[in-house]
Amino acid sequence: QQDRARCLDFTADDIELFRVSMTDGMADYLGVEEVAASMANAFLGLRHPHVAAQDLVQKAASMWNRDHHNSYRDDIAIAACKFTEVEADSRNDNENNDNNDNNVGNDNDGSDDASKDEL
């Protein structure tokens, strides 16, 4: 029997993006792949993200306590967020705004052009 490479067809709509940051106290005991898989499953609706994060913190803390006999514990924390899709109209609006001067607080209506020349 011959092994075949399996190609998957997917589109941009099939891609889910999220970001996870963890402290070194967690990274010392849990691998990046384990943390990413747990949070990805949560963000895909298999668990609540808060429950997944809490379970990861508890697992790392338990391992720390085992190794350090319940003495001082390193910081063990995780932060995660899922990126949501931006509507096409919003992207177009942002692209149009990017063509302006990009000055915060400046409405770019041209009404203060004369005063700029005097400065």
PDB file of N, CA and C in Angstrom:
ATOM      1  N   GLN A   1       0.842  -1.190   0.000  1.00  0.00           N
ATOM      2  CA  GLN A   1       0.000   0.000   0.000  1.00  0.00           C
ATOM      3  C   GLN A   1       0.882   1.247   0.000  1.00  0.00           C
ATOM      4  N   GLN A   2       0.578   2.131  -0.888  1.00  0.00           N
ATOM      5  CA  GLN A   2       1.384   3.334  -1.038  1.00  0.00           C
ATOM      6  C   GLN A   2       0.822   4.466  -0.183  1.00  0.00           C
ATOM      7  N   ASP A   3       1.720   5.160   0.511  1.00  0.00           N
ATOM      8  CA  ASP A   3       1.299   6.339   1.264  1.00  0.00           C
ATOM      9  C   ASP A   3       1.070   7.476   0.287  1.00  0.00           C
ATOM     10  N   ARG A   4       0.009   8.178   0.500  1.00  0.00           N
ATOM     11  CA  ARG A   4      -0.303   9.317  -0.362  1.00  0.00           C
ATOM     12  C   ARG A   4      -0.281  10.598   0.452  1.00  0.00           C
ATOM     13  N   ALA A   5       0.265  11.601  -0.152  1.00  0.00           N
ATOM     14  CA  ALA A   5       0.191  12.917   0.474  1.00  0.00           C
ATOM     15  C   ALA A   5      -1.250  13.384   0.383  1.00  0.00           C
ATOM     16  N   ARG A   6      -1.696  13.991   1.412  1.00  0.00           N
ATOM     17  CA  ARG A   6      -3.079  14.463   1.454  1.00  0.00           C
ATOM     18  C   ARG A   6      -3.086  15.984   1.385  1.00  0.00           C
ATOM     19  N   CYS A   7      -3.698  16.504   0.380  1.00  0.00           N
ATOM     20  CA  CYS A   7      -3.804  17.954   0.212  1.00  0.00           C
ATOM     21  C   CYS A   7      -5.179  18.400   0.674  1.00  0.00           C
ATOM     22  N   LEU A   8      -5.193  19.444   1.430  1.00  0.00           N
ATOM     23  CA  LEU A   8      -6.452  19.997   1.912  1.00  0.00           C
ATOM     24  C   LEU A   8      -6.723  21.307   1.193  1.00  0.00           C
ATOM     25  N   ASP A   9      -7.946  21.463   0.759  1.00  0.00           N
ATOM     26  CA  ASP A   9      -8.355  22.731   0.170  1.00  0.00           C
ATOM     27  C   ASP A   9      -8.928  23.603   1.271  1.00  0.00           C
ATOM     28  N   PHE A  10      -8.463  24.816   1.360  1.00  0.00           N
ATOM     29  CA  PHE A  10      -9.034  25.749   2.316  1.00  0.00           C
ATOM     30  C   PHE A  10      -8.959  27.153   1.753  1.00  0.00           C
ATOM     31  N   THR A  11      -9.772  28.001   2.343  1.00  0.00           N
ATOM     32  CA  THR A  11      -9.806  29.404   1.936  1.00  0.00           C
ATOM     33  C   THR A  11      -9.448  30.263   3.137  1.00  0.00           C
ATOM     34  N   ALA A  12      -9.358  31.537   2.927  1.00  0.00           N
ATOM     35  CA  ALA A  12      -9.061  32.458   4.025  1.00  0.00           C
ATOM     36  C   ALA A  12     -10.125  32.380   5.109  1.00  0.00           C
ATOM     37  N   ASP A  13     -11.356  32.032   4.737  1.00  0.00           N
ATOM     38  CA  ASP A  13     -12.430  31.922   5.729  1.00  0.00           C
ATOM     39  C   ASP A  13     -12.215  30.752   6.680  1.00  0.00           C
ATOM     40  N   ASP A  14     -11.370  29.806   6.312  1.00  0.00           N
ATOM     41  CA  ASP A  14     -11.107  28.638   7.143  1.00  0.00           C
ATOM     42  C   ASP A  14     -10.030  28.893   8.194  1.00  0.00           C
ATOM     43  N   ILE A  15      -9.387  30.031   8.135  1.00  0.00           N
ATOM     44  CA  ILE A  15      -8.270  30.327   9.025  1.00  0.00           C
ATOM     45  C   ILE A  15      -8.765  31.105  10.239  1.00  0.00           C
ATOM     46  N   GLU A  16      -8.402  30.628  11.419  1.00  0.00           N
ATOM     47  CA  GLU A  16      -8.726  31.302  12.677  1.00  0.00           C
ATOM     48  C   GLU A  16      -7.409  31.774  13.295  1.00  0.00           C
ATOM     49  N   LEU A  17      -7.335  33.026  13.669  1.00  0.00           N
ATOM     50  CA  LEU A  17      -6.127  33.576  14.271  1.00  0.00           C
ATOM     51  C   LEU A  17      -6.362  33.898  15.733  1.00  0.00           C
ATOM     52  N   PHE A  18      -5.386  33.556  16.559  1.00  0.00           N
ATOM     53  CA  PHE A  18      -5.424  33.934  17.960  1.00  0.00           C
ATOM     54  C   PHE A  18      -3.997  34.131  18.440  1.00  0.00           C
ATOM     55  N   ARG A  19      -3.864  34.836  19.539  1.00  0.00           N
ATOM     56  CA  ARG A  19      -2.554  35.110  20.123  1.00  0.00           C
ATOM     57  C   ARG A  19      -2.572  34.667  21.577  1.00  0.00           C
ATOM     58  N   VAL A  20      -1.502  34.014  21.980  1.00  0.00           N
ATOM     59  CA  VAL A  20      -1.368  33.548  23.355  1.00  0.00           C
ATOM     60  C   VAL A  20      -0.018  34.008  23.882  1.00  0.00           C
ATOM     61  N   SER A  21      -0.026  34.541  25.084  1.00  0.00           N
ATOM     62  CA  SER A  21       1.201  34.921  25.768  1.00  0.00           C
ATOM     63  C   SER A  21       1.190  34.251  27.132  1.00  0.00           C
ATOM     64  N   MET A  22       2.304  33.642  27.501  1.00  0.00           N
ATOM     65  CA  MET A  22       2.371  32.993  28.810  1.00  0.00           C
ATOM     66  C   MET A  22       3.668  33.381  29.494  1.00  0.00           C
ATOM     67  N   THR A  23       3.642  33.346  30.811  1.00  0.00           N
ATOM     68  CA  THR A  23       4.832  33.674  31.580  1.00  0.00           C
ATOM     69  C   THR A  23       5.807  32.508  31.553  1.00  0.00           C
ATOM     70  N   ASP A  24       7.037  32.791  31.950  1.00  0.00           N
ATOM     71  CA  ASP A  24       8.044  31.732  31.977  1.00  0.00           C
ATOM     72  C   ASP A  24       7.694  30.647  32.984  1.00  0.00           C
ATOM     73  N   GLY A  25       6.952  31.002  34.033  1.00  0.00           N
ATOM     74  CA  GLY A  25       6.527  29.993  35.005  1.00  0.00           C
ATOM     75  C   GLY A  25       5.654  28.926  34.370  1.00  0.00           C
ATOM     76  N   MET A  26       4.831  29.314  33.421  1.00  0.00           N
ATOM     77  CA  MET A  26       4.015  28.335  32.698  1.00  0.00           C
ATOM     78  C   MET A  26       4.861  27.632  31.641  1.00  0.00           C
ATOM     79  N   ALA A  27       5.678  28.384  30.930  1.00  0.00           N
ATOM     80  CA  ALA A  27       6.486  27.808  29.852  1.00  0.00           C
ATOM     81  C   ALA A  27       7.499  26.789  30.373  1.00  0.00           C
ATOM     82  N   ASP A  28       7.899  26.904  31.637  1.00  0.00           N
ATOM     83  CA  ASP A  28       8.827  25.934  32.219  1.00  0.00           C
ATOM     84  C   ASP A  28       8.211  24.543  32.322  1.00  0.00           C
ATOM     85  N   TYR A  29       6.888  24.467  32.350  1.00  0.00           N
ATOM     86  CA  TYR A  29       6.221  23.182  32.577  1.00  0.00           C
ATOM     87  C   TYR A  29       5.308  22.733  31.444  1.00  0.00           C
ATOM     88  N   LEU A  30       4.848  23.648  30.635  1.00  0.00           N
ATOM     89  CA  LEU A  30       3.942  23.287  29.546  1.00  0.00           C
ATOM     90  C   LEU A  30       4.557  23.719  28.222  1.00  0.00           C
ATOM     91  N   GLY A  31       4.473  22.868  27.243  1.00  0.00           N
ATOM     92  CA  GLY A  31       5.022  23.182  25.935  1.00  0.00           C
ATOM     93  C   GLY A  31       4.134  24.139  25.163  1.00  0.00           C
ATOM     94  N   VAL A  32       4.742  24.843  24.248  1.00  0.00           N
ATOM     95  CA  VAL A  32       4.019  25.794  23.406  1.00  0.00           C
ATOM     96  C   VAL A  32       2.898  25.086  22.651  1.00  0.00           C
ATOM     97  N   GLU A  33       3.186  23.888  22.138  1.00  0.00           N
ATOM     98  CA  GLU A  33       2.180  23.147  21.372  1.00  0.00           C
ATOM     99  C   GLU A  33       0.971  22.795  22.235  1.00  0.00           C
ATOM    100  N   GLU A  34       1.212  22.368  23.471  1.00  0.00           N
ATOM    101  CA  GLU A  34       0.111  22.009  24.369  1.00  0.00           C
ATOM    102  C   GLU A  34      -0.760  23.223  24.683  1.00  0.00           C
ATOM    103  N   VAL A  35      -0.124  24.334  24.993  1.00  0.00           N
ATOM    104  CA  VAL A  35      -0.860  25.555  25.323  1.00  0.00           C
ATOM    105  C   VAL A  35      -1.635  26.046  24.101  1.00  0.00           C
ATOM    106  N   ALA A  36      -0.981  26.064  22.952  1.00  0.00           N
ATOM    107  CA  ALA A  36      -1.647  26.525  21.727  1.00  0.00           C
ATOM    108  C   ALA A  36      -2.828  25.630  21.378  1.00  0.00           C
ATOM    109  N   ALA A  37      -2.657  24.320  21.487  1.00  0.00           N
ATOM    110  CA  ALA A  37      -3.744  23.389  21.161  1.00  0.00           C
ATOM    111  C   ALA A  37      -4.922  23.565  22.111  1.00  0.00           C
ATOM    112  N   SER A  38      -4.634  23.729  23.394  1.00  0.00           N
ATOM    113  CA  SER A  38      -5.707  23.901  24.375  1.00  0.00           C
ATOM    114  C   SER A  38      -6.496  25.180  24.114  1.00  0.00           C
ATOM    115  N   MET A  39      -5.791  26.283  23.852  1.00  0.00           N
ATOM    116  CA  MET A  39      -6.477  27.547  23.615  1.00  0.00           C
ATOM    117  C   MET A  39      -7.171  27.553  22.257  1.00  0.00           C
ATOM    118  N   ALA A  40      -6.578  26.908  21.252  1.00  0.00           N
ATOM    119  CA  ALA A  40      -7.226  26.827  19.938  1.00  0.00           C
ATOM    120  C   ALA A  40      -8.542  26.075  20.052  1.00  0.00           C
ATOM    121  N   ASN A  41      -8.537  24.951  20.770  1.00  0.00           N
ATOM    122  CA  ASN A  41      -9.778  24.198  20.977  1.00  0.00           C
ATOM    123  C   ASN A  41     -10.822  25.049  21.684  1.00  0.00           C
ATOM    124  N   ALA A  42     -10.372  25.848  22.643  1.00  0.00           N
ATOM    125  CA  ALA A  42     -11.311  26.715  23.362  1.00  0.00           C
ATOM    126  C   ALA A  42     -11.890  27.774  22.425  1.00  0.00           C
ATOM    127  N   PHE A  43     -11.041  28.411  21.644  1.00  0.00           N
ATOM    128  CA  PHE A  43     -11.528  29.454  20.744  1.00  0.00           C
ATOM    129  C   PHE A  43     -12.381  28.904  19.606  1.00  0.00           C
ATOM    130  N   LEU A  44     -12.238  27.618  19.319  1.00  0.00           N
ATOM    131  CA  LEU A  44     -13.079  26.992  18.296  1.00  0.00           C
ATOM    132  C   LEU A  44     -14.385  26.473  18.879  1.00  0.00           C
ATOM    133  N   GLY A  45     -14.608  26.723  20.171  1.00  0.00           N
ATOM    134  CA  GLY A  45     -15.888  26.406  20.783  1.00  0.00           C
ATOM    135  C   GLY A  45     -15.965  25.079  21.503  1.00  0.00           C
ATOM    136  N   LEU A  46     -14.849  24.372  21.641  1.00  0.00           N
ATOM    137  CA  LEU A  46     -14.886  23.088  22.329  1.00  0.00           C
ATOM    138  C   LEU A  46     -14.903  23.241  23.846  1.00  0.00           C
ATOM    139  N   ARG A  47     -14.415  24.363  24.327  1.00  0.00           N
ATOM    140  CA  ARG A  47     -14.417  24.697  25.757  1.00  0.00           C
ATOM    141  C   ARG A  47     -14.503  26.217  25.859  1.00  0.00           C
ATOM    142  N   HIS A  48     -14.805  26.683  27.055  1.00  0.00           N
ATOM    143  CA  HIS A  48     -14.770  28.130  27.267  1.00  0.00           C
ATOM    144  C   HIS A  48     -13.305  28.540  27.446  1.00  0.00           C
ATOM    145  N   PRO A  49     -12.856  29.611  26.802  1.00  0.00           N
ATOM    146  CA  PRO A  49     -11.453  30.022  26.919  1.00  0.00           C
ATOM    147  C   PRO A  49     -10.994  30.258  28.355  1.00  0.00           C
ATOM    148  N   HIS A  50     -11.869  30.797  29.208  1.00  0.00           N
ATOM    149  CA  HIS A  50     -11.474  31.016  30.608  1.00  0.00           C
ATOM    150  C   HIS A  50     -11.199  29.698  31.310  1.00  0.00           C
ATOM    151  N   VAL A  51     -12.008  28.691  31.032  1.00  0.00           N
ATOM    152  CA  VAL A  51     -11.815  27.372  31.642  1.00  0.00           C
ATOM    153  C   VAL A  51     -10.511  26.755  31.143  1.00  0.00           C
ATOM    154  N   ALA A  52     -10.255  26.861  29.859  1.00  0.00           N
ATOM    155  CA  ALA A  52      -9.016  26.318  29.293  1.00  0.00           C
ATOM    156  C   ALA A  52      -7.796  26.998  29.915  1.00  0.00           C
ATOM    157  N   ALA A  53      -7.833  28.322  30.023  1.00  0.00           N
ATOM    158  CA  ALA A  53      -6.716  29.064  30.613  1.00  0.00           C
ATOM    159  C   ALA A  53      -6.530  28.685  32.078  1.00  0.00           C
ATOM    160  N   GLN A  54      -7.627  28.584  32.816  1.00  0.00           N
ATOM    161  CA  GLN A  54      -7.551  28.212  34.231  1.00  0.00           C
ATOM    162  C   GLN A  54      -6.957  26.814  34.387  1.00  0.00           C
ATOM    163  N   ASP A  55      -7.363  25.880  33.546  1.00  0.00           N
ATOM    164  CA  ASP A  55      -6.820  24.524  33.608  1.00  0.00           C
ATOM    165  C   ASP A  55      -5.320  24.507  33.331  1.00  0.00           C
ATOM    166  N   LEU A  56      -4.877  25.311  32.377  1.00  0.00           N
ATOM    167  CA  LEU A  56      -3.443  25.382  32.078  1.00  0.00           C
ATOM    168  C   LEU A  56      -2.662  25.964  33.251  1.00  0.00           C
ATOM    169  N   VAL A  57      -3.193  27.013  33.872  1.00  0.00           N
ATOM    170  CA  VAL A  57      -2.535  27.613  35.040  1.00  0.00           C
ATOM    171  C   VAL A  57      -2.464  26.597  36.170  1.00  0.00           C
ATOM    172  N   GLN A  58      -3.560  25.906  36.433  1.00  0.00           N
ATOM    173  CA  GLN A  58      -3.576  24.918  37.515  1.00  0.00           C
ATOM    174  C   GLN A  58      -2.613  23.766  37.244  1.00  0.00           C
ATOM    175  N   LYS A  59      -2.528  23.329  36.005  1.00  0.00           N
ATOM    176  CA  LYS A  59      -1.619  22.232  35.661  1.00  0.00           C
ATOM    177  C   LYS A  59      -0.168  22.650  35.886  1.00  0.00           C
ATOM    178  N   ALA A  60       0.204  23.833  35.398  1.00  0.00           N
ATOM    179  CA  ALA A  60       1.573  24.318  35.580  1.00  0.00           C
ATOM    180  C   ALA A  60       1.880  24.543  37.058  1.00  0.00           C
ATOM    181  N   ALA A  61       0.919  25.092  37.805  1.00  0.00           N
ATOM    182  CA  ALA A  61       1.116  25.334  39.238  1.00  0.00           C
ATOM    183  C   ALA A  61       1.299  24.022  39.991  1.00  0.00           C
ATOM    184  N   SER A  62       0.530  23.019  39.629  1.00  0.00           N
ATOM    185  CA  SER A  62       0.653  21.708  40.267  1.00  0.00           C
ATOM    186  C   SER A  62       2.040  21.113  40.024  1.00  0.00           C
ATOM    187  N   MET A  63       2.522  21.247  38.812  1.00  0.00           N
ATOM    188  CA  MET A  63       3.853  20.730  38.486  1.00  0.00           C
ATOM    189  C   MET A  63       4.939  21.516  39.226  1.00  0.00           C
ATOM    190  N   TRP A  64       4.758  22.826  39.346  1.00  0.00           N
ATOM    191  CA  TRP A  64       5.707  23.661  40.094  1.00  0.00           C
ATOM    192  C   TRP A  64       5.733  23.227  41.552  1.00  0.00           C
ATOM    193  N   ASN A  65       4.561  23.079  42.152  1.00  0.00           N
ATOM    194  CA  ASN A  65       4.485  22.683  43.559  1.00  0.00           C
ATOM    195  C   ASN A  65       5.121  21.320  43.789  1.00  0.00           C
ATOM    196  N   ARG A  66       4.940  20.405  42.853  1.00  0.00           N
ATOM    197  CA  ARG A  66       5.551  19.078  42.965  1.00  0.00           C
ATOM    198  C   ARG A  66       7.075  19.194  42.987  1.00  0.00           C
ATOM    199  N   ASP A  67       7.628  20.012  42.110  1.00  0.00           N
ATOM    200  CA  ASP A  67       9.079  20.144  42.012  1.00  0.00           C
ATOM    201  C   ASP A  67       9.687  20.999  43.109  1.00  0.00           C
ATOM    202  N   HIS A  68       8.914  21.920  43.666  1.00  0.00           N
ATOM    203  CA  HIS A  68       9.460  22.864  44.647  1.00  0.00           C
ATOM    204  C   HIS A  68       8.845  22.689  46.025  1.00  0.00           C
ATOM    205  N   HIS A  69       8.185  21.602  46.233  1.00  0.00           N
ATOM    206  CA  HIS A  69       7.639  21.225  47.545  1.00  0.00           C
ATOM    207  C   HIS A  69       6.817  22.339  48.187  1.00  0.00           C
ATOM    208  N   ASN A  70       5.922  22.916  47.397  1.00  0.00           N
ATOM    209  CA  ASN A  70       4.980  23.933  47.870  1.00  0.00           C
ATOM    210  C   ASN A  70       5.648  25.170  48.457  1.00  0.00           C
ATOM    211  N   SER A  71       6.902  25.419  48.102  1.00  0.00           N
ATOM    212  CA  SER A  71       7.542  26.654  48.551  1.00  0.00           C
ATOM    213  C   SER A  71       7.176  27.764  47.568  1.00  0.00           C
ATOM    214  N   TYR A  72       7.965  28.804  47.530  1.00  0.00           N
ATOM    215  CA  TYR A  72       7.737  29.926  46.617  1.00  0.00           C
ATOM    216  C   TYR A  72       7.313  29.418  45.240  1.00  0.00           C
ATOM    217  N   ARG A  73       6.366  30.123  44.622  1.00  0.00           N
ATOM    218  CA  ARG A  73       5.925  29.742  43.278  1.00  0.00           C
ATOM    219  C   ARG A  73       6.175  30.887  42.306  1.00  0.00           C
ATOM    220  N   ASP A  74       6.755  30.559  41.188  1.00  0.00           N
ATOM    221  CA  ASP A  74       6.989  31.528  40.118  1.00  0.00           C
ATOM    222  C   ASP A  74       5.643  32.012  39.579  1.00  0.00           C
ATOM    223  N   ASP A  75       5.658  33.159  38.934  1.00  0.00           N
ATOM    224  CA  ASP A  75       4.423  33.649  38.320  1.00  0.00           C
ATOM    225  C   ASP A  75       4.007  32.696  37.202  1.00  0.00           C
ATOM    226  N   ILE A  76       2.753  32.337  37.219  1.00  0.00           N
ATOM    227  CA  ILE A  76       2.192  31.439  36.214  1.00  0.00           C
ATOM    228  C   ILE A  76       0.920  32.096  35.712  1.00  0.00           C
ATOM    229  N   ALA A  77       0.977  32.599  34.496  1.00  0.00           N
ATOM    230  CA  ALA A  77      -0.172  33.325  33.947  1.00  0.00           C
ATOM    231  C   ALA A  77      -0.217  33.142  32.437  1.00  0.00           C
ATOM    232  N   ILE A  78      -1.405  33.385  31.898  1.00  0.00           N
ATOM    233  CA  ILE A  78      -1.609  33.277  30.457  1.00  0.00           C
ATOM    234  C   ILE A  78      -2.582  34.371  30.026  1.00  0.00           C
ATOM    235  N   ALA A  79      -2.354  34.915  28.854  1.00  0.00           N
ATOM    236  CA  ALA A  79      -3.283  35.875  28.245  1.00  0.00           C
ATOM    237  C   ALA A  79      -3.514  35.412  26.814  1.00  0.00           C
ATOM    238  N   ALA A  80      -4.754  35.452  26.384  1.00  0.00           N
ATOM    239  CA  ALA A  80      -5.069  34.977  25.036  1.00  0.00           C
ATOM    240  C   ALA A  80      -6.206  35.798  24.451  1.00  0.00           C
ATOM    241  N   CYS A  81      -6.176  35.964  23.146  1.00  0.00           N
ATOM    242  CA  CYS A  81      -7.281  36.638  22.467  1.00  0.00           C
ATOM    243  C   CYS A  81      -7.440  36.053  21.072  1.00  0.00           C
ATOM    244  N   LYS A  82      -8.662  36.085  20.605  1.00  0.00           N
ATOM    245  CA  LYS A  82      -8.966  35.620  19.259  1.00  0.00           C
ATOM    246  C   LYS A  82      -9.177  36.849  18.388  1.00  0.00           C
ATOM    247  N   PHE A  83      -8.588  36.833  17.213  1.00  0.00           N
ATOM    248  CA  PHE A  83      -8.785  37.918  16.272  1.00  0.00           C
ATOM    249  C   PHE A  83     -10.068  37.653  15.507  1.00  0.00           C
ATOM    250  N   THR A  84     -10.910  38.656  15.440  1.00  0.00           N
ATOM    251  CA  THR A  84     -12.169  38.500  14.720  1.00  0.00           C
ATOM    252  C   THR A  84     -12.046  39.121  13.348  1.00  0.00           C
ATOM    253  N   GLU A  85     -12.880  38.671  12.459  1.00  0.00           N
ATOM    254  CA  GLU A  85     -12.858  39.163  11.085  1.00  0.00           C
ATOM    255  C   GLU A  85     -13.330  40.607  11.043  1.00  0.00           C
ATOM    256  N   VAL A  86     -12.665  41.383  10.251  1.00  0.00           N
ATOM    257  CA  VAL A  86     -13.056  42.769  10.041  1.00  0.00           C
ATOM    258  C   VAL A  86     -13.944  42.799   8.807  1.00  0.00           C
ATOM    259  N   GLU A  87     -15.061  43.465   8.923  1.00  0.00           N
ATOM    260  CA  GLU A  87     -15.971  43.570   7.783  1.00  0.00           C
ATOM    261  C   GLU A  87     -15.282  44.281   6.622  1.00  0.00           C
ATOM    262  N   ALA A  88     -15.612  43.897   5.411  1.00  0.00           N
ATOM    263  CA  ALA A  88     -15.004  44.486   4.214  1.00  0.00           C
ATOM    264  C   ALA A  88     -15.206  45.996   4.179  1.00  0.00           C
ATOM    265  N   ASP A  89     -16.396  46.482   4.557  1.00  0.00           N
ATOM    266  CA  ASP A  89     -16.646  47.922   4.554  1.00  0.00           C
ATOM    267  C   ASP A  89     -15.724  48.633   5.526  1.00  0.00           C
ATOM    268  N   SER A  90     -15.474  48.031   6.688  1.00  0.00           N
ATOM    269  CA  SER A  90     -14.586  48.641   7.667  1.00  0.00           C
ATOM    270  C   SER A  90     -13.172  48.701   7.139  1.00  0.00           C
ATOM    271  N   ARG A  91     -12.736  47.649   6.462  1.00  0.00           N
ATOM    272  CA  ARG A  91     -11.389  47.651   5.883  1.00  0.00           C
ATOM    273  C   ARG A  91     -11.261  48.766   4.856  1.00  0.00           C
ATOM    274  N   ASN A  92     -12.274  48.944   4.026  1.00  0.00           N
ATOM    275  CA  ASN A  92     -12.227  50.007   3.022  1.00  0.00           C
ATOM    276  C   ASN A  92     -12.185  51.370   3.676  1.00  0.00           C
ATOM    277  N   ASP A  93     -12.970  51.556   4.748  1.00  0.00           N
ATOM    278  CA  ASP A  93     -12.947  52.824   5.465  1.00  0.00           C
ATOM    279  C   ASP A  93     -11.564  53.088   6.037  1.00  0.00           C
ATOM    280  N   ASN A  94     -10.948  52.057   6.618  1.00  0.00           N
ATOM    281  CA  ASN A  94      -9.617  52.223   7.190  1.00  0.00           C
ATOM    282  C   ASN A  94      -8.588  52.527   6.114  1.00  0.00           C
ATOM    283  N   GLU A  95      -8.697  51.889   4.962  1.00  0.00           N
ATOM    284  CA  GLU A  95      -7.770  52.174   3.873  1.00  0.00           C
ATOM    285  C   GLU A  95      -7.914  53.613   3.420  1.00  0.00           C
ATOM    286  N   ASN A  96      -9.147  54.121   3.343  1.00  0.00           N
ATOM    287  CA  ASN A  96      -9.356  55.517   2.958  1.00  0.00           C
ATOM    288  C   ASN A  96      -8.774  56.453   3.996  1.00  0.00           C
ATOM    289  N   ASN A  97      -8.925  56.118   5.274  1.00  0.00           N
ATOM    290  CA  ASN A  97      -8.373  56.956   6.333  1.00  0.00           C
ATOM    291  C   ASN A  97      -6.854  56.937   6.314  1.00  0.00           C
ATOM    292  N   ASP A  98      -6.255  55.808   5.918  1.00  0.00           N
ATOM    293  CA  ASP A  98      -4.803  55.716   5.862  1.00  0.00           C
ATOM    294  C   ASP A  98      -4.219  56.641   4.805  1.00  0.00           C
ATOM    295  N   ASN A  99      -5.016  57.030   3.830  1.00  0.00           N
ATOM    296  CA  ASN A  99      -4.531  57.934   2.794  1.00  0.00           C
ATOM    297  C   ASN A  99      -4.495  59.380   3.268  1.00  0.00           C
ATOM    298  N   ASN A 100      -5.055  59.669   4.429  1.00  0.00           N
ATOM    299  CA  ASN A 100      -5.036  61.015   4.988  1.00  0.00           C
ATOM    300  C   ASN A 100      -3.704  61.258   5.672  1.00  0.00           C
ATOM    301  N   ASP A 101      -3.594  62.350   6.394  1.00  0.00           N
ATOM    302  CA  ASP A 101      -2.336  62.710   7.045  1.00  0.00           C
ATOM    303  C   ASP A 101      -1.976  61.801   8.204  1.00  0.00           C
ATOM    304  N   ASN A 102      -2.898  60.969   8.674  1.00  0.00           N
ATOM    305  CA  ASN A 102      -2.668  60.055   9.795  1.00  0.00           C
ATOM    306  C   ASN A 102      -2.336  60.781  11.090  1.00  0.00           C
ATOM    307  N   ASN A 103      -2.798  62.014  11.244  1.00  0.00           N
ATOM    308  CA  ASN A 103      -2.593  62.743  12.485  1.00  0.00           C
ATOM    309  C   ASN A 103      -3.735  62.444  13.432  1.00  0.00           C
ATOM    310  N   VAL A 104      -3.400  62.006  14.610  1.00  0.00           N
ATOM    311  CA  VAL A 104      -4.432  61.720  15.601  1.00  0.00           C
ATOM    312  C   VAL A 104      -5.103  63.020  15.989  1.00  0.00           C
ATOM    313  N   GLY A 105      -6.419  63.005  16.006  1.00  0.00           N
ATOM    314  CA  GLY A 105      -7.169  64.184  16.405  1.00  0.00           C
ATOM    315  C   GLY A 105      -7.356  65.199  15.294  1.00  0.00           C
ATOM    316  N   ASN A 106      -6.823  64.941  14.123  1.00  0.00           N
ATOM    317  CA  ASN A 106      -6.967  65.863  13.007  1.00  0.00           C
ATOM    318  C   ASN A 106      -8.027  65.303  12.074  1.00  0.00           C
ATOM    319  N   ASP A 107      -9.093  66.080  11.835  1.00  0.00           N
ATOM    320  CA  ASP A 107     -10.172  65.578  10.984  1.00  0.00           C
ATOM    321  C   ASP A 107      -9.884  65.788   9.502  1.00  0.00           C
ATOM    322  N   ASN A 108      -8.762  66.410   9.172  1.00  0.00           N
ATOM    323  CA  ASN A 108      -8.310  66.584   7.792  1.00  0.00           C
ATOM    324  C   ASN A 108      -9.368  67.182   6.877  1.00  0.00           C
ATOM    325  N   ASP A 109     -10.140  68.134   7.378  1.00  0.00           N
ATOM    326  CA  ASP A 109     -11.161  68.745   6.526  1.00  0.00           C
ATOM    327  C   ASP A 109     -10.609  69.941   5.755  1.00  0.00           C
ATOM    328  N   GLY A 110      -9.342  70.251   5.967  1.00  0.00           N
ATOM    329  CA  GLY A 110      -8.721  71.331   5.217  1.00  0.00           C
ATOM    330  C   GLY A 110      -9.002  72.707   5.781  1.00  0.00           C
ATOM    331  N   SER A 111      -9.822  72.837   6.805  1.00  0.00           N
ATOM    332  CA  SER A 111     -10.213  74.151   7.308  1.00  0.00           C
ATOM    333  C   SER A 111      -9.073  74.862   8.008  1.00  0.00           C
ATOM    334  N   ASP A 112      -8.064  74.130   8.444  1.00  0.00           N
ATOM    335  CA  ASP A 112      -6.992  74.795   9.173  1.00  0.00           C
ATOM    336  C   ASP A 112      -5.704  74.848   8.355  1.00  0.00           C
ATOM    337  N   ASP A 113      -5.797  74.701   7.037  1.00  0.00           N
ATOM    338  CA  ASP A 113      -4.606  74.729   6.198  1.00  0.00           C
ATOM    339  C   ASP A 113      -3.883  76.072   6.278  1.00  0.00           C
ATOM    340  N   ALA A 114      -4.604  77.169   6.343  1.00  0.00           N
ATOM    341  CA  ALA A 114      -3.971  78.489   6.403  1.00  0.00           C
ATOM    342  C   ALA A 114      -3.170  78.632   7.684  1.00  0.00           C
ATOM    343  N   SER A 115      -3.719  78.171   8.790  1.00  0.00           N
ATOM    344  CA  SER A 115      -3.000  78.304  10.051  1.00  0.00           C
ATOM    345  C   SER A 115      -1.748  77.436  10.056  1.00  0.00           C
ATOM    346  N   LYS A 116      -1.738  76.334   9.319  1.00  0.00           N
ATOM    347  CA  LYS A 116      -0.541  75.496   9.234  1.00  0.00           C
ATOM    348  C   LYS A 116       0.577  76.255   8.528  1.00  0.00           C
ATOM    349  N   ASP A 117       0.197  77.022   7.478  1.00  0.00           N
ATOM    350  CA  ASP A 117       1.204  77.774   6.736  1.00  0.00           C
ATOM    351  C   ASP A 117       1.838  78.853   7.598  1.00  0.00           C
ATOM    352  N   GLU A 118       1.102  79.386   8.560  1.00  0.00           N
ATOM    353  CA  GLU A 118       1.614  80.452   9.404  1.00  0.00           C
ATOM    354  C   GLU A 118       2.560  79.929  10.466  1.00  0.00           C
ATOM    355  N   LEU A 119       2.490  78.641  10.757  1.00  0.00           N
ATOM    356  CA  LEU A 119       3.343  78.093  11.810  1.00  0.00           C
ATOM    357  C   LEU A 119       4.717  78.000  11.323  1.00  0.00           C
TER     358      LEU A 119
END
